[in-house]
Amino acid sequence: MTDFMLRTDTEAQMDDALEAAEILVEKDVGDGELVLMLVPNCALDRIGPIWPVLDEDGKVIRSGDPRFHANLRVAFELTQEQVDALPTFTPEPGIPYRVWA
């Protein structure tokens, strides 16, 4: 299994990147209605924006990040083109907001 931490400015950009990486694909669910679905053997945790943590006086303890975040876990080998299409970022956080159990 391989895990990726992803970040884009918006959720729509995240979906576009995951489509480009062929992780999200359009499926016809009947009557011509298309929905985006994950390919088999992967999981996506849509985190969204990370809000700041404030103390009881309203002072910022940990800053937030208004961009859209997600964690991706794949149980198959991605091509280099797929990896390159993923919106990964550096440096990765020392203490991630959420991780896989």
Protein backbone atom coordinates (compact mmCIF):
# COMPACT_ATOMS: atom_id res chain seq x y z
CA MET A 1 0.00 0.00 0.00
CA THR A 2 1.09 3.52 -0.75
CA ASP A 3 -0.24 6.67 0.91
CA PHE A 4 -0.27 10.17 -0.54
CA MET A 5 -1.07 13.49 1.16
CA LEU A 6 -2.73 15.78 -1.38
CA ARG A 7 -3.51 19.50 -1.47
CA THR A 8 -5.21 21.83 -3.96
CA ASP A 9 -6.86 25.23 -3.72
CA THR A 10 -10.39 23.80 -4.18
CA GLU A 11 -12.26 20.51 -4.06
CA ALA A 12 -12.98 20.81 -7.79
CA GLN A 13 -9.23 21.04 -8.48
CA MET A 14 -8.73 17.93 -6.33
CA ASP A 15 -11.29 16.02 -8.39
CA ASP A 16 -9.67 17.22 -11.62
CA ALA A 17 -6.25 16.03 -10.44
CA LEU A 18 -7.63 12.65 -9.32
CA GLU A 19 -9.33 12.25 -12.69
CA ALA A 20 -6.07 13.10 -14.46
CA ALA A 21 -4.34 10.44 -12.34
CA GLU A 22 -7.12 7.97 -13.26
CA ILE A 23 -8.04 7.48 -9.59
CA LEU A 24 -11.51 8.98 -10.06
CA VAL A 25 -13.37 7.81 -13.16
CA GLU A 26 -16.80 8.62 -14.57
CA LYS A 27 -19.31 5.79 -14.31
CA ASP A 28 -22.75 5.66 -15.86
CA VAL A 29 -25.23 4.84 -13.09
CA GLY A 30 -28.15 4.58 -15.50
CA ASP A 31 -30.26 6.91 -17.61
CA GLY A 32 -27.06 8.61 -18.79
CA GLU A 33 -26.26 9.96 -15.33
CA LEU A 34 -22.50 10.05 -14.81
CA VAL A 35 -20.87 10.11 -11.37
CA LEU A 36 -17.25 10.16 -10.30
CA MET A 37 -16.19 6.98 -8.53
CA LEU A 38 -12.92 5.74 -7.11
CA VAL A 39 -11.23 2.91 -8.93
CA PRO A 40 -11.10 -0.36 -6.98
CA ASN A 41 -8.42 -0.96 -4.34
CA CYS A 42 -7.99 2.62 -3.23
CA ALA A 43 -9.43 4.83 -0.52
CA LEU A 44 -9.80 8.60 -0.39
CA ASP A 45 -10.15 10.61 2.81
CA ARG A 46 -11.46 14.08 1.89
CA ILE A 47 -10.28 16.34 4.69
CA GLY A 48 -11.03 19.74 3.17
CA PRO A 49 -9.68 22.93 4.74
CA ILE A 50 -7.78 22.65 8.01
CA TRP A 51 -9.08 25.17 10.51
CA PRO A 52 -6.83 26.93 13.02
CA VAL A 53 -6.82 25.74 16.63
CA LEU A 54 -7.52 28.52 19.12
CA ASP A 55 -7.05 28.63 22.87
CA GLU A 56 -9.80 29.78 25.24
CA ASP A 57 -8.76 33.41 24.71
CA GLY A 58 -9.00 33.11 20.94
CA LYS A 59 -5.26 33.07 20.34
CA VAL A 60 -4.00 30.82 17.58
CA ILE A 61 -2.30 27.71 18.96
CA ARG A 62 -1.89 26.05 15.55
CA SER A 63 -2.44 27.85 12.27
CA GLY A 64 -4.83 26.47 9.71
CA ASP A 65 -4.71 26.09 5.95
CA PRO A 66 -7.78 27.06 3.88
CA ARG A 67 -6.77 24.89 0.91
CA PHE A 68 -8.45 21.53 0.20
CA HIS A 69 -6.64 18.49 1.65
CA ALA A 70 -7.10 14.76 1.09
CA ASN A 71 -5.32 11.52 1.86
CA LEU A 72 -5.14 8.82 -0.77
CA ARG A 73 -4.26 5.16 -0.14
CA VAL A 74 -3.72 2.82 -3.08
CA ALA A 75 -3.20 -0.92 -2.92
CA PHE A 76 -1.73 -1.21 -6.41
CA GLU A 77 1.24 0.19 -8.30
CA LEU A 78 0.69 3.60 -9.90
CA THR A 79 2.46 4.56 -13.09
CA GLN A 80 4.89 7.47 -12.92
CA GLU A 81 2.40 9.52 -14.95
CA GLN A 82 -0.30 8.87 -12.34
CA VAL A 83 2.02 9.84 -9.49
CA ASP A 84 3.05 13.00 -11.35
CA ALA A 85 -0.64 13.98 -11.76
CA LEU A 86 -1.30 13.78 -8.02
CA PRO A 87 -1.21 17.14 -6.19
CA THR A 88 1.30 16.08 -3.55
CA PHE A 89 3.24 18.73 -1.66
CA THR A 90 6.44 19.26 0.26
CA PRO A 91 7.39 19.46 2.92
CA GLU A 92 4.94 16.98 4.36
CA PRO A 93 3.66 17.98 7.79
CA GLY A 94 5.61 16.71 10.79
CA ILE A 95 2.32 16.00 12.54
CA PRO A 96 -0.35 15.22 9.92
CA TYR A 97 -3.90 16.41 10.56
CA ARG A 98 -5.29 12.89 9.87
CA VAL A 99 -3.61 9.60 8.99
CA TRP A 100 -4.76 6.11 8.08
CA ALA A 101 -5.27 3.75 11.01
